[in-house]
Amino acid sequence: MKMKNKILAINCSPREGNNHILLGEIPKEKCEIINLYDYDILPCEGCGECSKIGKCKIKDQFEKFVEKINGSRKIIFASPVYRLDVPSKVRSFIERTSSLLINDRNFEDKIVGIVCIGRFGGSGKIQTLNTLLDFLLSMGCIIIPPVVIGNAHEIGDIKNDPLVSLSFKNRSEEHT
């Protein structure tokens, strides 16, 4: 299904917590939410086969997930902070995209927003944001400001962060 005019919102958390709650604020007719953890994406083996054969040799759902991204013009990556950085499945996805760059299959000109949610007073939000920014810029994406950084610990806490709710709502309305 081509959805060039819809926002593809990618929940990078293994659970439907605060990222999912925040993404749920975008009207459903303007957005499709998918969960990265619903896709079987294995870690990079570092074998170098992608540079020889032009694609990753691992048989999983990586290409299916990439097709979902390629079918969208506007994307939101929403990631929690897990031990000072992105969750392991996000890291696996990022590492596997090396196989895409070899064949010039990047995400060039995708309009991307970033949401990063971590604990109140917790560390790692800037590193998580930096990991996502570096990855998305290396893939040719256009990052739209403002990047949303939220504070939450328990599921539902994000609703009590007024700056996040306001900035996310305003941004999602501007770009839908």
N, C-alpha and C. Protein backbone atom coordinates (compact mmCIF):
# COMPACT_ATOMS: atom_id res chain seq x y z
N MET A 1 0.84 -1.19 0.00
CA MET A 1 0.00 0.00 0.00
C MET A 1 0.88 1.24 0.00
N LYS A 2 0.76 2.06 -0.99
CA LYS A 2 1.48 3.33 -1.05
C LYS A 2 0.76 4.32 -0.15
N MET A 3 1.53 5.02 0.67
CA MET A 3 0.91 5.99 1.57
C MET A 3 1.72 7.27 1.59
N LYS A 4 2.10 7.75 0.43
CA LYS A 4 2.96 8.92 0.31
C LYS A 4 2.44 10.14 1.08
N ASN A 5 1.13 10.30 1.18
CA ASN A 5 0.58 11.48 1.84
C ASN A 5 0.33 11.28 3.32
N LYS A 6 0.43 10.05 3.77
CA LYS A 6 0.24 9.77 5.19
C LYS A 6 1.58 9.78 5.91
N ILE A 7 1.52 10.04 7.20
CA ILE A 7 2.72 9.95 8.03
C ILE A 7 2.87 8.49 8.45
N LEU A 8 4.07 7.95 8.32
CA LEU A 8 4.38 6.64 8.86
C LEU A 8 5.06 6.89 10.20
N ALA A 9 4.38 6.53 11.27
CA ALA A 9 4.92 6.72 12.62
C ALA A 9 5.46 5.38 13.11
N ILE A 10 6.76 5.35 13.40
CA ILE A 10 7.42 4.12 13.80
C ILE A 10 7.68 4.15 15.31
N ASN A 11 6.97 3.29 16.02
CA ASN A 11 7.18 3.13 17.45
C ASN A 11 8.37 2.18 17.61
N CYS A 12 9.47 2.69 18.14
CA CYS A 12 10.70 1.90 18.29
C CYS A 12 10.81 1.25 19.66
N SER A 13 9.74 1.23 20.40
CA SER A 13 9.73 0.61 21.73
C SER A 13 9.18 -0.81 21.64
N PRO A 14 9.68 -1.70 22.49
CA PRO A 14 9.14 -3.06 22.49
C PRO A 14 7.75 -3.16 23.13
N ARG A 15 7.26 -2.08 23.65
CA ARG A 15 5.93 -2.09 24.25
C ARG A 15 5.15 -0.86 23.81
N GLU A 16 3.87 -0.92 23.99
CA GLU A 16 3.03 0.23 23.65
C GLU A 16 2.91 1.12 24.88
N GLY A 17 3.93 1.94 25.06
CA GLY A 17 3.98 2.84 26.21
C GLY A 17 3.81 4.28 25.78
N ASN A 18 4.68 5.14 26.32
CA ASN A 18 4.55 6.58 26.11
C ASN A 18 4.77 7.02 24.66
N ASN A 19 5.68 6.36 23.94
CA ASN A 19 5.84 6.69 22.51
C ASN A 19 4.55 6.42 21.76
N HIS A 20 3.95 5.29 22.01
CA HIS A 20 2.72 4.91 21.32
C HIS A 20 1.58 5.87 21.69
N ILE A 21 1.52 6.26 22.95
CA ILE A 21 0.50 7.22 23.40
C ILE A 21 0.65 8.54 22.64
N LEU A 22 1.88 9.02 22.55
CA LEU A 22 2.14 10.29 21.88
C LEU A 22 1.82 10.19 20.38
N LEU A 23 2.23 9.10 19.75
CA LEU A 23 1.93 8.92 18.33
C LEU A 23 0.43 8.81 18.09
N GLY A 24 -0.29 8.31 19.07
CA GLY A 24 -1.74 8.18 18.96
C GLY A 24 -2.46 9.52 18.90
N GLU A 25 -1.76 10.61 19.19
CA GLU A 25 -2.37 11.93 19.10
C GLU A 25 -2.54 12.41 17.66
N ILE A 26 -1.86 11.77 16.73
CA ILE A 26 -2.00 12.13 15.32
C ILE A 26 -3.28 11.48 14.80
N PRO A 27 -4.14 12.22 14.14
CA PRO A 27 -5.38 11.63 13.62
C PRO A 27 -5.11 10.40 12.74
N LYS A 28 -5.85 9.33 12.97
CA LYS A 28 -5.64 8.06 12.26
C LYS A 28 -5.73 8.18 10.75
N GLU A 29 -6.56 9.10 10.26
CA GLU A 29 -6.68 9.25 8.80
C GLU A 29 -5.43 9.88 8.19
N LYS A 30 -4.57 10.46 9.03
CA LYS A 30 -3.35 11.10 8.54
C LYS A 30 -2.09 10.30 8.84
N CYS A 31 -2.25 9.18 9.55
CA CYS A 31 -1.08 8.49 10.06
C CYS A 31 -1.30 6.99 10.16
N GLU A 32 -0.24 6.23 9.91
CA GLU A 32 -0.23 4.80 10.21
C GLU A 32 0.88 4.56 11.21
N ILE A 33 0.54 3.94 12.34
CA ILE A 33 1.53 3.62 13.35
C ILE A 33 1.94 2.16 13.17
N ILE A 34 3.25 1.95 13.07
CA ILE A 34 3.76 0.58 13.06
C ILE A 34 4.76 0.41 14.20
N ASN A 35 4.92 -0.80 14.64
CA ASN A 35 5.83 -1.10 15.74
C ASN A 35 7.04 -1.85 15.20
N LEU A 36 8.22 -1.29 15.37
CA LEU A 36 9.44 -1.94 14.90
C LEU A 36 9.55 -3.36 15.46
N TYR A 37 9.11 -3.54 16.69
CA TYR A 37 9.25 -4.84 17.34
C TYR A 37 8.29 -5.89 16.79
N ASP A 38 7.38 -5.50 15.91
CA ASP A 38 6.53 -6.48 15.22
C ASP A 38 7.26 -7.13 14.05
N TYR A 39 8.42 -6.61 13.71
CA TYR A 39 9.21 -7.13 12.59
C TYR A 39 10.40 -7.92 13.13
N ASP A 40 10.63 -9.06 12.53
CA ASP A 40 11.77 -9.89 12.89
C ASP A 40 12.99 -9.35 12.15
N ILE A 41 13.78 -8.53 12.83
CA ILE A 41 14.99 -7.95 12.24
C ILE A 41 16.17 -8.38 13.10
N LEU A 42 16.98 -9.23 12.54
CA LEU A 42 18.13 -9.78 13.26
C LEU A 42 19.31 -8.83 13.20
N PRO A 43 20.25 -8.95 14.14
CA PRO A 43 21.43 -8.08 14.12
C PRO A 43 22.34 -8.37 12.93
N CYS A 44 23.10 -7.37 12.55
CA CYS A 44 24.12 -7.52 11.52
C CYS A 44 25.16 -8.52 12.01
N GLU A 45 25.60 -9.39 11.10
CA GLU A 45 26.62 -10.38 11.45
C GLU A 45 28.02 -9.88 11.14
N GLY A 46 28.12 -8.74 10.49
CA GLY A 46 29.44 -8.19 10.15
C GLY A 46 30.21 -9.05 9.17
N CYS A 47 29.51 -9.81 8.35
CA CYS A 47 30.15 -10.76 7.43
C CYS A 47 30.70 -10.09 6.18
N GLY A 48 30.18 -8.93 5.80
CA GLY A 48 30.63 -8.23 4.61
C GLY A 48 30.01 -8.74 3.31
N GLU A 49 29.11 -9.69 3.40
CA GLU A 49 28.47 -10.23 2.19
C GLU A 49 27.71 -9.16 1.42
N CYS A 50 27.13 -8.20 2.11
CA CYS A 50 26.35 -7.15 1.43
C CYS A 50 27.21 -6.38 0.44
N SER A 51 28.49 -6.20 0.75
CA SER A 51 29.36 -5.47 -0.17
C SER A 51 29.74 -6.33 -1.37
N LYS A 52 29.61 -7.65 -1.24
CA LYS A 52 29.94 -8.55 -2.35
C LYS A 52 28.73 -8.85 -3.24
N ILE A 53 27.56 -9.07 -2.61
CA ILE A 53 26.39 -9.48 -3.39
C ILE A 53 25.35 -8.37 -3.54
N GLY A 54 25.58 -7.22 -2.88
CA GLY A 54 24.69 -6.08 -3.06
C GLY A 54 23.47 -6.06 -2.19
N LYS A 55 23.34 -7.05 -1.30
CA LYS A 55 22.22 -7.04 -0.36
C LYS A 55 22.60 -7.89 0.85
N CYS A 56 21.85 -7.73 1.89
CA CYS A 56 22.11 -8.49 3.11
C CYS A 56 21.68 -9.94 2.90
N LYS A 57 22.50 -10.86 3.38
CA LYS A 57 22.20 -12.28 3.20
C LYS A 57 21.24 -12.82 4.26
N ILE A 58 21.01 -12.06 5.33
CA ILE A 58 20.16 -12.54 6.42
C ILE A 58 18.71 -12.57 5.96
N LYS A 59 18.05 -13.66 6.19
CA LYS A 59 16.64 -13.85 5.81
C LYS A 59 15.76 -13.54 7.03
N ASP A 60 15.15 -12.37 7.00
CA ASP A 60 14.23 -11.95 8.06
C ASP A 60 13.28 -10.92 7.46
N GLN A 61 12.73 -10.03 8.26
CA GLN A 61 11.76 -9.05 7.77
C GLN A 61 12.35 -7.66 7.56
N PHE A 62 13.66 -7.56 7.48
CA PHE A 62 14.32 -6.29 7.26
C PHE A 62 13.82 -5.60 5.99
N GLU A 63 13.80 -6.31 4.87
CA GLU A 63 13.38 -5.71 3.60
C GLU A 63 11.91 -5.29 3.64
N LYS A 64 11.09 -6.05 4.32
CA LYS A 64 9.66 -5.70 4.46
C LYS A 64 9.52 -4.37 5.20
N PHE A 65 10.32 -4.18 6.25
CA PHE A 65 10.30 -2.94 7.02
C PHE A 65 10.80 -1.78 6.15
N VAL A 66 11.86 -2.01 5.39
CA VAL A 66 12.40 -0.97 4.50
C VAL A 66 11.36 -0.58 3.46
N GLU A 67 10.63 -1.55 2.92
CA GLU A 67 9.56 -1.24 1.95
C GLU A 67 8.51 -0.33 2.56
N LYS A 68 8.20 -0.55 3.83
CA LYS A 68 7.22 0.30 4.52
C LYS A 68 7.73 1.74 4.56
N ILE A 69 9.00 1.91 4.89
CA ILE A 69 9.60 3.24 4.94
C ILE A 69 9.61 3.86 3.54
N ASN A 70 10.00 3.10 2.55
CA ASN A 70 10.07 3.62 1.19
C ASN A 70 8.70 3.98 0.62
N GLY A 71 7.64 3.44 1.17
CA GLY A 71 6.29 3.76 0.73
C GLY A 71 5.75 5.04 1.34
N SER A 72 6.55 5.71 2.14
CA SER A 72 6.11 6.94 2.82
C SER A 72 7.05 8.08 2.53
N ARG A 73 6.51 9.26 2.49
CA ARG A 73 7.32 10.47 2.32
C ARG A 73 7.62 11.12 3.66
N LYS A 74 6.65 11.00 4.60
CA LYS A 74 6.77 11.62 5.92
C LYS A 74 6.83 10.51 6.97
N ILE A 75 7.83 10.60 7.85
CA ILE A 75 8.07 9.55 8.84
C ILE A 75 8.37 10.18 10.19
N ILE A 76 7.90 9.51 11.23
CA ILE A 76 8.29 9.88 12.59
C ILE A 76 8.92 8.64 13.23
N PHE A 77 10.13 8.80 13.74
CA PHE A 77 10.77 7.76 14.54
C PHE A 77 10.58 8.16 16.00
N ALA A 78 9.92 7.31 16.78
CA ALA A 78 9.69 7.58 18.20
C ALA A 78 10.40 6.49 18.99
N SER A 79 11.43 6.89 19.72
CA SER A 79 12.25 5.92 20.44
C SER A 79 12.33 6.22 21.92
N PRO A 80 12.27 5.17 22.73
CA PRO A 80 12.57 5.36 24.15
C PRO A 80 14.08 5.33 24.35
N VAL A 81 14.51 5.68 25.54
CA VAL A 81 15.92 5.57 25.92
C VAL A 81 16.06 4.26 26.69
N TYR A 82 16.93 3.39 26.20
CA TYR A 82 17.21 2.12 26.87
C TYR A 82 18.70 2.08 27.18
N ARG A 83 19.02 2.16 28.41
CA ARG A 83 20.41 2.13 28.87
C ARG A 83 21.29 3.09 28.08
N LEU A 84 20.87 4.34 28.10
CA LEU A 84 21.62 5.48 27.55
C LEU A 84 21.61 5.61 26.03
N ASP A 85 20.79 4.83 25.32
CA ASP A 85 20.76 4.94 23.86
C ASP A 85 19.49 4.28 23.33
N VAL A 86 19.44 4.06 22.02
CA VAL A 86 18.28 3.43 21.39
C VAL A 86 18.18 1.96 21.81
N PRO A 87 16.98 1.39 21.77
CA PRO A 87 16.84 -0.04 22.06
C PRO A 87 17.59 -0.91 21.05
N SER A 88 17.86 -2.14 21.43
CA SER A 88 18.69 -3.04 20.61
C SER A 88 18.10 -3.30 19.23
N LYS A 89 16.80 -3.37 19.09
CA LYS A 89 16.19 -3.62 17.77
C LYS A 89 16.44 -2.43 16.84
N VAL A 90 16.44 -1.23 17.38
CA VAL A 90 16.75 -0.04 16.57
C VAL A 90 18.20 -0.12 16.11
N ARG A 91 19.08 -0.48 17.01
CA ARG A 91 20.50 -0.61 16.67
C ARG A 91 20.68 -1.67 15.57
N SER A 92 19.98 -2.80 15.69
CA SER A 92 20.07 -3.85 14.67
C SER A 92 19.61 -3.32 13.31
N PHE A 93 18.51 -2.58 13.29
CA PHE A 93 18.01 -2.01 12.04
C PHE A 93 19.04 -1.04 11.44
N ILE A 94 19.58 -0.16 12.27
CA ILE A 94 20.56 0.82 11.79
C ILE A 94 21.76 0.11 11.19
N GLU A 95 22.27 -0.89 11.88
CA GLU A 95 23.45 -1.60 11.37
C GLU A 95 23.16 -2.31 10.05
N ARG A 96 21.98 -2.84 9.91
CA ARG A 96 21.62 -3.56 8.69
C ARG A 96 21.46 -2.64 7.48
N THR A 97 21.26 -1.34 7.70
CA THR A 97 21.08 -0.43 6.56
C THR A 97 22.36 -0.23 5.76
N SER A 98 23.48 -0.72 6.24
CA SER A 98 24.71 -0.67 5.44
C SER A 98 24.49 -1.34 4.10
N SER A 99 23.69 -2.39 4.09
CA SER A 99 23.41 -3.10 2.83
C SER A 99 22.63 -2.22 1.86
N LEU A 100 21.89 -1.26 2.37
CA LEU A 100 21.14 -0.35 1.51
C LEU A 100 22.06 0.70 0.88
N LEU A 101 22.99 1.21 1.67
CA LEU A 101 23.88 2.26 1.18
C LEU A 101 24.78 1.77 0.06
N ILE A 102 25.12 0.50 0.08
CA ILE A 102 25.98 -0.07 -0.96
C ILE A 102 25.33 0.07 -2.33
N ASN A 103 24.03 -0.06 -2.39
CA ASN A 103 23.29 0.04 -3.66
C ASN A 103 22.57 1.37 -3.82
N ASP A 104 23.00 2.40 -3.09
CA ASP A 104 22.35 3.70 -3.18
C ASP A 104 20.87 3.62 -2.86
N ARG A 105 20.50 2.73 -1.96
CA ARG A 105 19.10 2.60 -1.57
C ARG A 105 18.93 3.28 -0.21
N ASN A 106 19.13 4.56 -0.18
CA ASN A 106 18.96 5.27 1.07
C ASN A 106 17.53 5.80 1.19
N PHE A 107 17.29 6.62 2.18
CA PHE A 107 15.96 7.19 2.40
C PHE A 107 15.97 8.67 2.01
N GLU A 108 16.65 8.97 0.91
CA GLU A 108 16.84 10.34 0.48
C GLU A 108 15.53 11.10 0.33
N ASP A 109 15.54 12.31 0.87
CA ASP A 109 14.43 13.25 0.80
C ASP A 109 13.19 12.84 1.58
N LYS A 110 13.31 11.83 2.44
CA LYS A 110 12.20 11.53 3.36
C LYS A 110 12.17 12.65 4.40
N ILE A 111 10.98 13.11 4.72
CA ILE A 111 10.82 14.15 5.74
C ILE A 111 10.59 13.43 7.06
N VAL A 112 11.51 13.64 8.00
CA VAL A 112 11.50 12.83 9.22
C VAL A 112 11.47 13.69 10.47
N GLY A 113 10.61 13.29 11.39
CA GLY A 113 10.57 13.87 12.72
C GLY A 113 11.09 12.84 13.71
N ILE A 114 11.61 13.32 14.82
CA ILE A 114 12.16 12.42 15.85
C ILE A 114 11.52 12.73 17.19
N VAL A 115 11.11 11.68 17.87
CA VAL A 115 10.60 11.77 19.23
C VAL A 115 11.48 10.87 20.09
N CYS A 116 11.94 11.39 21.20
CA CYS A 116 12.78 10.63 22.12
C CYS A 116 12.20 10.80 23.53
N ILE A 117 11.86 9.70 24.17
CA ILE A 117 11.27 9.78 25.50
C ILE A 117 12.09 8.95 26.48
N GLY A 118 12.48 9.60 27.58
CA GLY A 118 13.24 8.93 28.63
C GLY A 118 12.73 9.32 30.00
N ARG A 119 13.33 8.76 31.01
CA ARG A 119 12.92 9.02 32.40
C ARG A 119 13.12 10.48 32.79
N PHE A 120 12.29 10.92 33.73
CA PHE A 120 12.49 12.25 34.31
C PHE A 120 13.88 12.28 34.92
N GLY A 121 14.68 13.26 34.52
CA GLY A 121 16.02 13.40 35.08
C GLY A 121 16.99 12.32 34.64
N GLY A 122 16.56 11.41 33.80
CA GLY A 122 17.43 10.32 33.36
C GLY A 122 18.40 10.75 32.28
N SER A 123 19.44 9.98 32.16
CA SER A 123 20.46 10.23 31.15
C SER A 123 20.13 9.47 29.87
N GLY A 124 20.77 9.86 28.80
CA GLY A 124 20.69 9.11 27.56
C GLY A 124 19.81 9.72 26.49
N LYS A 125 19.02 10.73 26.82
CA LYS A 125 18.14 11.30 25.80
C LYS A 125 18.93 11.96 24.67
N ILE A 126 19.97 12.67 25.01
CA ILE A 126 20.77 13.34 23.98
C ILE A 126 21.51 12.30 23.13
N GLN A 127 22.04 11.25 23.75
CA GLN A 127 22.72 10.19 22.99
C GLN A 127 21.74 9.47 22.07
N THR A 128 20.53 9.17 22.56
CA THR A 128 19.52 8.52 21.74
C THR A 128 19.16 9.39 20.55
N LEU A 129 18.94 10.66 20.83
CA LEU A 129 18.65 11.63 19.76
C LEU A 129 19.80 11.69 18.76
N ASN A 130 21.03 11.74 19.26
CA ASN A 130 22.20 11.80 18.39
C ASN A 130 22.32 10.56 17.51
N THR A 131 22.06 9.38 18.07
CA THR A 131 22.10 8.15 17.28
C THR A 131 21.10 8.21 16.14
N LEU A 132 19.88 8.63 16.45
CA LEU A 132 18.85 8.73 15.41
C LEU A 132 19.17 9.81 14.38
N LEU A 133 19.63 10.97 14.84
CA LEU A 133 20.00 12.05 13.91
C LEU A 133 21.12 11.61 12.98
N ASP A 134 22.19 11.05 13.54
CA ASP A 134 23.31 10.61 12.71
C ASP A 134 22.86 9.59 11.68
N PHE A 135 22.06 8.62 12.11
CA PHE A 135 21.58 7.58 11.20
C PHE A 135 20.73 8.19 10.09
N LEU A 136 19.74 8.98 10.45
CA LEU A 136 18.79 9.51 9.47
C LEU A 136 19.47 10.49 8.50
N LEU A 137 20.38 11.30 9.00
CA LEU A 137 21.12 12.20 8.11
C LEU A 137 22.02 11.41 7.17
N SER A 138 22.64 10.34 7.66
CA SER A 138 23.50 9.52 6.80
C SER A 138 22.70 8.83 5.70
N MET A 139 21.40 8.66 5.93
CA MET A 139 20.53 8.01 4.95
C MET A 139 19.86 9.02 4.02
N GLY A 140 20.21 10.30 4.15
CA GLY A 140 19.71 11.32 3.22
C GLY A 140 18.37 11.92 3.61
N CYS A 141 17.95 11.72 4.84
CA CYS A 141 16.65 12.26 5.29
C CYS A 141 16.73 13.75 5.56
N ILE A 142 15.57 14.39 5.50
CA ILE A 142 15.42 15.79 5.88
C ILE A 142 14.77 15.80 7.25
N ILE A 143 15.47 16.31 8.24
CA ILE A 143 14.95 16.32 9.61
C ILE A 143 14.17 17.61 9.82
N ILE A 144 12.92 17.45 10.32
CA ILE A 144 12.11 18.64 10.57
C ILE A 144 12.16 18.98 12.06
N PRO A 145 12.35 20.25 12.38
CA PRO A 145 12.33 20.67 13.77
C PRO A 145 10.91 20.93 14.22
N PRO A 146 10.63 21.04 15.49
CA PRO A 146 11.57 20.72 16.55
C PRO A 146 11.60 19.22 16.80
N VAL A 147 12.75 18.76 17.24
CA VAL A 147 12.85 17.37 17.70
C VAL A 147 12.20 17.34 19.07
N VAL A 148 11.38 16.35 19.33
CA VAL A 148 10.64 16.28 20.60
C VAL A 148 11.36 15.36 21.57
N ILE A 149 11.73 15.91 22.73
CA ILE A 149 12.35 15.13 23.79
C ILE A 149 11.41 15.18 24.99
N GLY A 150 10.95 14.01 25.41
CA GLY A 150 9.97 13.95 26.49
C GLY A 150 10.51 13.28 27.73
N ASN A 151 9.84 13.54 28.84
CA ASN A 151 10.18 12.94 30.12
C ASN A 151 9.02 12.10 30.62
N ALA A 152 9.27 10.84 30.84
CA ALA A 152 8.24 9.94 31.35
C ALA A 152 8.92 8.73 31.98
N HIS A 153 8.28 8.17 32.97
CA HIS A 153 8.79 6.95 33.59
C HIS A 153 7.76 5.84 33.48
N GLU A 154 6.59 6.10 34.02
CA GLU A 154 5.50 5.13 33.96
C GLU A 154 4.68 5.35 32.69
N ILE A 155 4.02 4.30 32.23
CA ILE A 155 3.16 4.43 31.06
C ILE A 155 2.08 5.46 31.35
N GLY A 156 1.93 6.43 30.46
CA GLY A 156 0.95 7.49 30.61
C GLY A 156 1.54 8.79 31.12
N ASP A 157 2.78 8.75 31.66
CA ASP A 157 3.41 9.97 32.17
C ASP A 157 3.58 11.04 31.09
N ILE A 158 3.70 10.62 29.84
CA ILE A 158 3.93 11.58 28.76
C ILE A 158 2.77 12.56 28.63
N LYS A 159 1.59 12.15 29.06
CA LYS A 159 0.42 13.04 29.01
C LYS A 159 0.58 14.21 29.97
N ASN A 160 1.46 14.07 30.96
CA ASN A 160 1.67 15.12 31.95
C ASN A 160 2.84 16.03 31.62
N ASP A 161 3.46 15.83 30.47
CA ASP A 161 4.57 16.68 30.04
C ASP A 161 4.00 17.70 29.06
N PRO A 162 3.60 18.89 29.53
CA PRO A 162 2.88 19.85 28.68
C PRO A 162 3.69 20.35 27.49
N LEU A 163 4.99 20.50 27.64
CA LEU A 163 5.79 20.99 26.52
C LEU A 163 5.86 19.97 25.39
N VAL A 164 5.97 18.70 25.75
CA VAL A 164 6.00 17.65 24.73
C VAL A 164 4.68 17.59 24.00
N SER A 165 3.62 17.55 24.75
CA SER A 165 2.29 17.44 24.14
C SER A 165 2.03 18.61 23.20
N LEU A 166 2.36 19.82 23.63
CA LEU A 166 2.13 21.00 22.82
C LEU A 166 3.00 21.01 21.58
N SER A 167 4.30 20.77 21.73
CA SER A 167 5.20 20.84 20.57
C SER A 167 4.92 19.71 19.59
N PHE A 168 4.58 18.52 20.09
CA PHE A 168 4.27 17.41 19.19
C PHE A 168 2.97 17.66 18.46
N LYS A 169 1.96 18.15 19.16
CA LYS A 169 0.67 18.42 18.53
C LYS A 169 0.82 19.48 17.44
N ASN A 170 1.53 20.56 17.75
CA ASN A 170 1.72 21.62 16.76
C ASN A 170 2.50 21.12 15.55
N ARG A 171 3.53 20.33 15.78
CA ARG A 171 4.34 19.83 14.68
C ARG A 171 3.57 18.85 13.81
N SER A 172 2.82 17.96 14.43
CA SER A 172 2.09 16.96 13.63
C SER A 172 0.99 17.64 12.80
N GLU A 173 0.40 18.71 13.31
CA GLU A 173 -0.62 19.42 12.54
C GLU A 173 -0.01 20.17 11.37
N GLU A 174 1.22 20.70 11.54
CA GLU A 174 1.88 21.44 10.47
C GLU A 174 2.25 20.53 9.30
N HIS A 175 2.56 19.28 9.58
CA HIS A 175 3.12 18.41 8.56
C HIS A 175 2.18 17.31 8.09
N THR A 176 0.90 17.39 8.43
CA THR A 176 -0.03 16.37 7.94
C THR A 176 -0.79 16.90 6.74
